[in-house]
Amino acid sequence: MLDGFKKFILRGNVVDMAVGVVIGAAFGGVITALTKDLLTPLIAAIVGKPDFSAIHFTIRGTPFPVGDFVNATVSFLLIASVIYFFVVLPVNTLVARMKRGEKPPDPTTKKCPECLSEIPIEARRCAHCTQPVMSRAA
């Protein structure tokens, strides 16, 4: 029983996922601190209101505290924009830079000049219309 559990835990996918969850939680803490300690005060300096939790309205005696929702929405937008501009864009740029030097793989098929069907690159005769086809080397 423990042997099966050990095999399950030591599989690559489980370990990779565990590492991703731990790093994601740590990164979430960094982004939350960045939002709370830097970006929200910056918005407060520009707009003049650092916290929207006091915003509410009342309908027939029932209070609707929409300020917390506004705070959560602003926080989400800030976190999403930070992740996009500081993680996604740099990683996409790096991947594009790495792929720039790669050449596409050689083709494995060609079109028959007679019937336009796909045939293997080394074929001398089309399997569909039986017409002779010039080889690639010729």
N, C-alpha and C. Protein backbone atom coordinates (compact mmCIF):
# COMPACT_ATOMS: atom_id res chain seq x y z
N MET A 1 0.82 -1.18 0.00
CA MET A 1 0.00 0.00 0.00
C MET A 1 0.87 1.26 0.00
N LEU A 2 1.88 1.30 0.83
CA LEU A 2 2.77 2.46 0.87
C LEU A 2 3.62 2.55 -0.39
N ASP A 3 3.90 1.41 -0.99
CA ASP A 3 4.70 1.42 -2.22
C ASP A 3 3.95 2.15 -3.34
N GLY A 4 2.65 1.88 -3.47
CA GLY A 4 1.84 2.57 -4.47
C GLY A 4 1.75 4.06 -4.20
N PHE A 5 1.62 4.44 -2.92
CA PHE A 5 1.57 5.86 -2.56
C PHE A 5 2.89 6.53 -2.89
N LYS A 6 4.00 5.85 -2.63
CA LYS A 6 5.33 6.41 -2.93
C LYS A 6 5.50 6.61 -4.43
N LYS A 7 5.04 5.66 -5.23
CA LYS A 7 5.11 5.81 -6.69
C LYS A 7 4.27 6.99 -7.16
N PHE A 8 3.07 7.15 -6.56
CA PHE A 8 2.19 8.25 -6.93
C PHE A 8 2.85 9.60 -6.60
N ILE A 9 3.41 9.73 -5.41
CA ILE A 9 4.01 11.00 -4.98
C ILE A 9 5.25 11.33 -5.81
N LEU A 10 6.02 10.34 -6.17
CA LEU A 10 7.28 10.60 -6.86
C LEU A 10 7.13 10.71 -8.37
N ARG A 11 5.91 10.57 -8.88
CA ARG A 11 5.69 10.81 -10.31
C ARG A 11 5.98 12.26 -10.60
N GLY A 12 6.48 12.56 -11.77
CA GLY A 12 6.87 13.91 -12.13
C GLY A 12 5.74 14.92 -12.05
N ASN A 13 4.54 14.55 -12.47
CA ASN A 13 3.44 15.50 -12.51
C ASN A 13 3.04 15.98 -11.12
N VAL A 14 3.02 15.10 -10.14
CA VAL A 14 2.60 15.47 -8.80
C VAL A 14 3.61 16.41 -8.17
N VAL A 15 4.89 16.10 -8.31
CA VAL A 15 5.94 16.94 -7.75
C VAL A 15 5.96 18.29 -8.44
N ASP A 16 5.85 18.31 -9.76
CA ASP A 16 5.82 19.58 -10.50
C ASP A 16 4.64 20.43 -10.07
N MET A 17 3.48 19.81 -9.90
CA MET A 17 2.30 20.55 -9.49
C MET A 17 2.47 21.11 -8.08
N ALA A 18 3.04 20.33 -7.19
CA ALA A 18 3.25 20.80 -5.81
C ALA A 18 4.20 21.99 -5.80
N VAL A 19 5.27 21.92 -6.57
CA VAL A 19 6.20 23.05 -6.66
C VAL A 19 5.50 24.27 -7.24
N GLY A 20 4.67 24.08 -8.26
CA GLY A 20 3.94 25.18 -8.86
C GLY A 20 2.98 25.84 -7.88
N VAL A 21 2.29 25.03 -7.07
CA VAL A 21 1.36 25.58 -6.08
C VAL A 21 2.10 26.39 -5.03
N VAL A 22 3.23 25.88 -4.55
CA VAL A 22 4.00 26.60 -3.53
C VAL A 22 4.55 27.90 -4.10
N ILE A 23 5.12 27.85 -5.29
CA ILE A 23 5.65 29.07 -5.90
C ILE A 23 4.52 30.04 -6.22
N GLY A 24 3.38 29.53 -6.67
CA GLY A 24 2.24 30.39 -6.95
C GLY A 24 1.73 31.09 -5.70
N ALA A 25 1.69 30.39 -4.57
CA ALA A 25 1.26 31.01 -3.32
C ALA A 25 2.23 32.09 -2.88
N ALA A 26 3.52 31.81 -3.01
CA ALA A 26 4.52 32.82 -2.64
C ALA A 26 4.43 34.02 -3.57
N PHE A 27 4.24 33.77 -4.86
CA PHE A 27 4.13 34.86 -5.82
C PHE A 27 2.86 35.67 -5.57
N GLY A 28 1.78 34.98 -5.17
CA GLY A 28 0.54 35.68 -4.82
C GLY A 28 0.75 36.63 -3.65
N GLY A 29 1.54 36.21 -2.67
CA GLY A 29 1.86 37.08 -1.55
C GLY A 29 2.64 38.31 -1.98
N VAL A 30 3.58 38.12 -2.89
CA VAL A 30 4.36 39.25 -3.41
C VAL A 30 3.45 40.22 -4.17
N ILE A 31 2.59 39.70 -5.01
CA ILE A 31 1.70 40.55 -5.80
C ILE A 31 0.70 41.26 -4.89
N THR A 32 0.19 40.58 -3.87
CA THR A 32 -0.73 41.22 -2.93
C THR A 32 -0.04 42.36 -2.20
N ALA A 33 1.19 42.14 -1.76
CA ALA A 33 1.94 43.20 -1.08
C ALA A 33 2.21 44.36 -2.02
N LEU A 34 2.54 44.06 -3.26
CA LEU A 34 2.78 45.13 -4.25
C LEU A 34 1.51 45.95 -4.45
N THR A 35 0.39 45.27 -4.56
CA THR A 35 -0.88 45.97 -4.76
C THR A 35 -1.25 46.81 -3.53
N LYS A 36 -1.18 46.19 -2.35
CA LYS A 36 -1.61 46.86 -1.13
C LYS A 36 -0.68 47.98 -0.72
N ASP A 37 0.64 47.77 -0.84
CA ASP A 37 1.61 48.72 -0.29
C ASP A 37 2.09 49.75 -1.30
N LEU A 38 1.99 49.46 -2.59
CA LEU A 38 2.50 50.41 -3.58
C LEU A 38 1.43 50.97 -4.52
N LEU A 39 0.67 50.08 -5.13
CA LEU A 39 -0.26 50.53 -6.16
C LEU A 39 -1.50 51.21 -5.58
N THR A 40 -2.06 50.65 -4.50
CA THR A 40 -3.25 51.28 -3.90
C THR A 40 -2.93 52.67 -3.34
N PRO A 41 -1.81 52.88 -2.63
CA PRO A 41 -1.47 54.25 -2.22
C PRO A 41 -1.22 55.18 -3.39
N LEU A 42 -0.68 54.64 -4.48
CA LEU A 42 -0.48 55.47 -5.68
C LEU A 42 -1.83 55.92 -6.23
N ILE A 43 -2.79 55.02 -6.28
CA ILE A 43 -4.14 55.39 -6.72
C ILE A 43 -4.75 56.40 -5.76
N ALA A 44 -4.51 56.21 -4.45
CA ALA A 44 -5.03 57.15 -3.46
C ALA A 44 -4.43 58.53 -3.66
N ALA A 45 -3.15 58.60 -4.03
CA ALA A 45 -2.51 59.90 -4.27
C ALA A 45 -3.10 60.57 -5.50
N ILE A 46 -3.47 59.78 -6.50
CA ILE A 46 -4.02 60.35 -7.74
C ILE A 46 -5.50 60.67 -7.57
N VAL A 47 -6.28 59.72 -7.08
CA VAL A 47 -7.74 59.87 -6.99
C VAL A 47 -8.15 60.54 -5.68
N GLY A 48 -7.42 60.28 -4.61
CA GLY A 48 -7.73 60.89 -3.34
C GLY A 48 -8.46 59.99 -2.38
N LYS A 49 -8.71 58.73 -2.75
CA LYS A 49 -9.44 57.82 -1.87
C LYS A 49 -8.75 56.45 -1.90
N PRO A 50 -8.03 56.07 -0.83
CA PRO A 50 -7.29 54.80 -0.86
C PRO A 50 -8.17 53.57 -0.65
N ASP A 51 -9.30 53.76 0.03
CA ASP A 51 -10.13 52.62 0.40
C ASP A 51 -11.58 52.92 0.03
N PHE A 52 -12.19 51.99 -0.67
CA PHE A 52 -13.56 52.21 -1.13
C PHE A 52 -14.58 51.47 -0.26
N SER A 53 -14.15 50.89 0.86
CA SER A 53 -15.05 50.06 1.66
C SER A 53 -16.19 50.87 2.30
N ALA A 54 -16.06 52.19 2.39
CA ALA A 54 -17.11 53.01 3.00
C ALA A 54 -18.26 53.31 2.04
N ILE A 55 -18.09 52.95 0.75
CA ILE A 55 -19.14 53.22 -0.23
C ILE A 55 -20.29 52.23 -0.01
N HIS A 56 -21.48 52.74 0.14
CA HIS A 56 -22.66 51.89 0.30
C HIS A 56 -23.90 52.70 -0.06
N PHE A 57 -24.98 51.99 -0.30
CA PHE A 57 -26.27 52.64 -0.51
C PHE A 57 -27.33 51.78 0.18
N THR A 58 -28.47 52.40 0.42
CA THR A 58 -29.54 51.72 1.15
C THR A 58 -30.82 51.76 0.33
N ILE A 59 -31.49 50.62 0.23
CA ILE A 59 -32.79 50.53 -0.44
C ILE A 59 -33.77 49.92 0.56
N ARG A 60 -34.80 50.69 0.91
CA ARG A 60 -35.84 50.26 1.85
C ARG A 60 -35.24 49.72 3.15
N GLY A 61 -34.25 50.39 3.64
CA GLY A 61 -33.64 50.02 4.92
C GLY A 61 -32.61 48.91 4.84
N THR A 62 -32.37 48.37 3.65
CA THR A 62 -31.37 47.31 3.50
C THR A 62 -30.09 47.92 2.95
N PRO A 63 -29.00 47.83 3.72
CA PRO A 63 -27.73 48.41 3.24
C PRO A 63 -27.06 47.50 2.21
N PHE A 64 -26.47 48.11 1.20
CA PHE A 64 -25.70 47.41 0.18
C PHE A 64 -24.27 47.94 0.23
N PRO A 65 -23.37 47.26 0.93
CA PRO A 65 -21.99 47.74 1.05
C PRO A 65 -21.17 47.35 -0.19
N VAL A 66 -21.28 48.12 -1.23
CA VAL A 66 -20.60 47.80 -2.49
C VAL A 66 -19.13 48.18 -2.47
N GLY A 67 -18.69 48.87 -1.44
CA GLY A 67 -17.29 49.30 -1.36
C GLY A 67 -16.32 48.14 -1.33
N ASP A 68 -16.66 47.07 -0.61
CA ASP A 68 -15.77 45.91 -0.57
C ASP A 68 -15.66 45.25 -1.95
N PHE A 69 -16.77 45.24 -2.66
CA PHE A 69 -16.74 44.71 -4.03
C PHE A 69 -15.86 45.57 -4.92
N VAL A 70 -15.96 46.89 -4.77
CA VAL A 70 -15.12 47.80 -5.56
C VAL A 70 -13.65 47.58 -5.20
N ASN A 71 -13.34 47.43 -3.90
CA ASN A 71 -11.96 47.15 -3.49
C ASN A 71 -11.45 45.85 -4.11
N ALA A 72 -12.26 44.81 -4.07
CA ALA A 72 -11.85 43.52 -4.64
C ALA A 72 -11.65 43.62 -6.15
N THR A 73 -12.53 44.38 -6.83
CA THR A 73 -12.40 44.55 -8.27
C THR A 73 -11.14 45.32 -8.63
N VAL A 74 -10.88 46.41 -7.91
CA VAL A 74 -9.67 47.19 -8.16
C VAL A 74 -8.43 46.35 -7.88
N SER A 75 -8.45 45.60 -6.80
CA SER A 75 -7.33 44.73 -6.46
C SER A 75 -7.11 43.68 -7.55
N PHE A 76 -8.20 43.07 -8.02
CA PHE A 76 -8.07 42.07 -9.09
C PHE A 76 -7.48 42.69 -10.35
N LEU A 77 -7.98 43.85 -10.74
CA LEU A 77 -7.46 44.51 -11.95
C LEU A 77 -5.99 44.87 -11.80
N LEU A 78 -5.61 45.34 -10.63
CA LEU A 78 -4.20 45.66 -10.41
C LEU A 78 -3.33 44.42 -10.45
N ILE A 79 -3.77 43.36 -9.79
CA ILE A 79 -2.99 42.12 -9.78
C ILE A 79 -2.90 41.54 -11.19
N ALA A 80 -4.01 41.54 -11.92
CA ALA A 80 -4.00 41.00 -13.29
C ALA A 80 -3.08 41.82 -14.18
N SER A 81 -3.09 43.13 -14.05
CA SER A 81 -2.22 43.95 -14.90
C SER A 81 -0.75 43.77 -14.52
N VAL A 82 -0.45 43.65 -13.22
CA VAL A 82 0.93 43.41 -12.80
C VAL A 82 1.43 42.08 -13.33
N ILE A 83 0.61 41.04 -13.21
CA ILE A 83 1.02 39.73 -13.72
C ILE A 83 1.23 39.79 -15.23
N TYR A 84 0.34 40.47 -15.94
CA TYR A 84 0.47 40.53 -17.39
C TYR A 84 1.73 41.29 -17.80
N PHE A 85 1.94 42.48 -17.23
CA PHE A 85 3.05 43.31 -17.67
C PHE A 85 4.40 42.87 -17.12
N PHE A 86 4.43 42.23 -15.95
CA PHE A 86 5.70 41.85 -15.35
C PHE A 86 6.02 40.36 -15.47
N VAL A 87 5.06 39.54 -15.88
CA VAL A 87 5.33 38.10 -16.03
C VAL A 87 5.05 37.63 -17.45
N VAL A 88 3.81 37.83 -17.93
CA VAL A 88 3.41 37.27 -19.21
C VAL A 88 4.18 37.90 -20.38
N LEU A 89 4.21 39.22 -20.44
CA LEU A 89 4.93 39.87 -21.56
C LEU A 89 6.41 39.53 -21.58
N PRO A 90 7.14 39.61 -20.45
CA PRO A 90 8.56 39.22 -20.52
C PRO A 90 8.78 37.77 -20.92
N VAL A 91 7.94 36.86 -20.42
CA VAL A 91 8.11 35.44 -20.78
C VAL A 91 7.81 35.24 -22.26
N ASN A 92 6.75 35.87 -22.78
CA ASN A 92 6.45 35.76 -24.22
C ASN A 92 7.57 36.32 -25.06
N THR A 93 8.16 37.45 -24.64
CA THR A 93 9.28 38.03 -25.37
C THR A 93 10.47 37.09 -25.35
N LEU A 94 10.75 36.50 -24.21
CA LEU A 94 11.88 35.57 -24.09
C LEU A 94 11.67 34.34 -24.96
N VAL A 95 10.47 33.78 -24.95
CA VAL A 95 10.18 32.60 -25.78
C VAL A 95 10.28 32.94 -27.26
N ALA A 96 9.78 34.11 -27.65
CA ALA A 96 9.87 34.52 -29.06
C ALA A 96 11.32 34.71 -29.47
N ARG A 97 12.14 35.26 -28.57
CA ARG A 97 13.56 35.46 -28.87
C ARG A 97 14.27 34.12 -29.03
N MET A 98 13.88 33.14 -28.20
CA MET A 98 14.51 31.82 -28.28
C MET A 98 14.11 31.09 -29.56
N LYS A 99 12.87 31.28 -30.02
CA LYS A 99 12.39 30.59 -31.22
C LYS A 99 12.84 31.27 -32.50
N ARG A 100 13.36 32.49 -32.41
CA ARG A 100 13.71 33.25 -33.60
C ARG A 100 14.78 32.53 -34.43
N GLY A 101 15.71 31.85 -33.79
CA GLY A 101 16.81 31.21 -34.50
C GLY A 101 16.46 29.84 -35.06
N GLU A 102 15.34 29.27 -34.68
CA GLU A 102 14.98 27.93 -35.16
C GLU A 102 14.44 27.99 -36.58
N LYS A 103 14.88 27.03 -37.41
CA LYS A 103 14.32 26.96 -38.76
C LYS A 103 13.20 25.92 -38.77
N PRO A 104 12.22 26.10 -39.62
CA PRO A 104 11.12 25.13 -39.67
C PRO A 104 11.62 23.78 -40.17
N PRO A 105 10.97 22.69 -39.76
CA PRO A 105 11.41 21.36 -40.20
C PRO A 105 11.20 21.18 -41.70
N ASP A 106 12.01 20.31 -42.28
CA ASP A 106 11.89 20.02 -43.71
C ASP A 106 10.53 19.37 -43.99
N PRO A 107 9.95 19.68 -45.14
CA PRO A 107 8.64 19.08 -45.46
C PRO A 107 8.77 17.58 -45.71
N THR A 108 7.72 16.86 -45.40
CA THR A 108 7.72 15.41 -45.61
C THR A 108 6.81 15.01 -46.77
N THR A 109 6.02 15.96 -47.27
CA THR A 109 5.14 15.68 -48.41
C THR A 109 5.26 16.79 -49.44
N LYS A 110 4.77 16.48 -50.62
CA LYS A 110 4.69 17.47 -51.70
C LYS A 110 3.39 17.26 -52.43
N LYS A 111 3.02 18.20 -53.29
CA LYS A 111 1.77 18.08 -54.06
C LYS A 111 2.09 17.46 -55.42
N CYS A 112 1.21 16.58 -55.84
CA CYS A 112 1.31 16.00 -57.17
C CYS A 112 0.96 17.10 -58.18
N PRO A 113 1.78 17.34 -59.20
CA PRO A 113 1.47 18.41 -60.15
C PRO A 113 0.23 18.11 -61.00
N GLU A 114 -0.17 16.84 -61.09
CA GLU A 114 -1.30 16.46 -61.91
C GLU A 114 -2.62 16.55 -61.15
N CYS A 115 -2.72 15.91 -60.00
CA CYS A 115 -4.00 15.86 -59.27
C CYS A 115 -3.99 16.69 -57.98
N LEU A 116 -2.86 17.27 -57.62
CA LEU A 116 -2.68 18.14 -56.46
C LEU A 116 -2.92 17.44 -55.12
N SER A 117 -2.80 16.12 -55.08
CA SER A 117 -2.92 15.39 -53.81
C SER A 117 -1.56 15.40 -53.11
N GLU A 118 -1.58 15.18 -51.81
CA GLU A 118 -0.35 15.14 -51.02
C GLU A 118 0.28 13.76 -51.17
N ILE A 119 1.56 13.75 -51.50
CA ILE A 119 2.29 12.49 -51.63
C ILE A 119 3.62 12.62 -50.87
N PRO A 120 4.23 11.50 -50.49
CA PRO A 120 5.53 11.57 -49.81
C PRO A 120 6.57 12.26 -50.67
N ILE A 121 7.49 12.94 -50.04
CA ILE A 121 8.48 13.74 -50.75
C ILE A 121 9.37 12.88 -51.66
N GLU A 122 9.61 11.64 -51.29
CA GLU A 122 10.48 10.76 -52.06
C GLU A 122 9.73 9.95 -53.14
N ALA A 123 8.42 10.11 -53.25
CA ALA A 123 7.64 9.33 -54.22
C ALA A 123 8.03 9.69 -55.65
N ARG A 124 8.07 8.67 -56.52
CA ARG A 124 8.35 8.90 -57.94
C ARG A 124 7.09 8.79 -58.79
N ARG A 125 6.02 8.28 -58.18
CA ARG A 125 4.75 8.14 -58.88
C ARG A 125 3.63 8.43 -57.89
N CYS A 126 2.61 9.17 -58.31
CA CYS A 126 1.49 9.53 -57.44
C CYS A 126 0.62 8.30 -57.19
N ALA A 127 0.29 8.04 -55.94
CA ALA A 127 -0.54 6.89 -55.58
C ALA A 127 -1.99 7.11 -55.97
N HIS A 128 -2.40 8.36 -56.21
CA HIS A 128 -3.79 8.66 -56.52
C HIS A 128 -4.07 8.64 -58.02
N CYS A 129 -3.22 9.32 -58.79
CA CYS A 129 -3.48 9.39 -60.22
C CYS A 129 -2.45 8.60 -61.04
N THR A 130 -1.48 7.99 -60.42
CA THR A 130 -0.42 7.14 -60.99
C THR A 130 0.47 7.86 -61.99
N GLN A 131 0.46 9.19 -61.98
CA GLN A 131 1.35 9.94 -62.87
C GLN A 131 2.77 9.96 -62.31
N PRO A 132 3.77 9.87 -63.17
CA PRO A 132 5.16 9.99 -62.69
C PRO A 132 5.38 11.41 -62.12
N VAL A 133 6.12 11.45 -61.03
CA VAL A 133 6.43 12.71 -60.37
C VAL A 133 7.94 12.84 -60.28
N MET A 134 8.43 14.02 -60.56
CA MET A 134 9.88 14.22 -60.45
C MET A 134 10.27 14.18 -58.98
N SER A 135 11.39 13.51 -58.70
CA SER A 135 11.84 13.44 -57.33
C SER A 135 12.41 14.79 -56.90
N ARG A 136 12.58 14.95 -55.61
CA ARG A 136 13.05 16.21 -55.06
C ARG A 136 14.48 16.50 -55.47
N ALA A 137 15.31 15.49 -55.58
CA ALA A 137 16.71 15.70 -55.93
C ALA A 137 16.89 16.09 -57.39
N ALA A 138 15.93 15.73 -58.25
CA ALA A 138 16.07 15.99 -59.68
C ALA A 138 15.75 17.42 -60.05
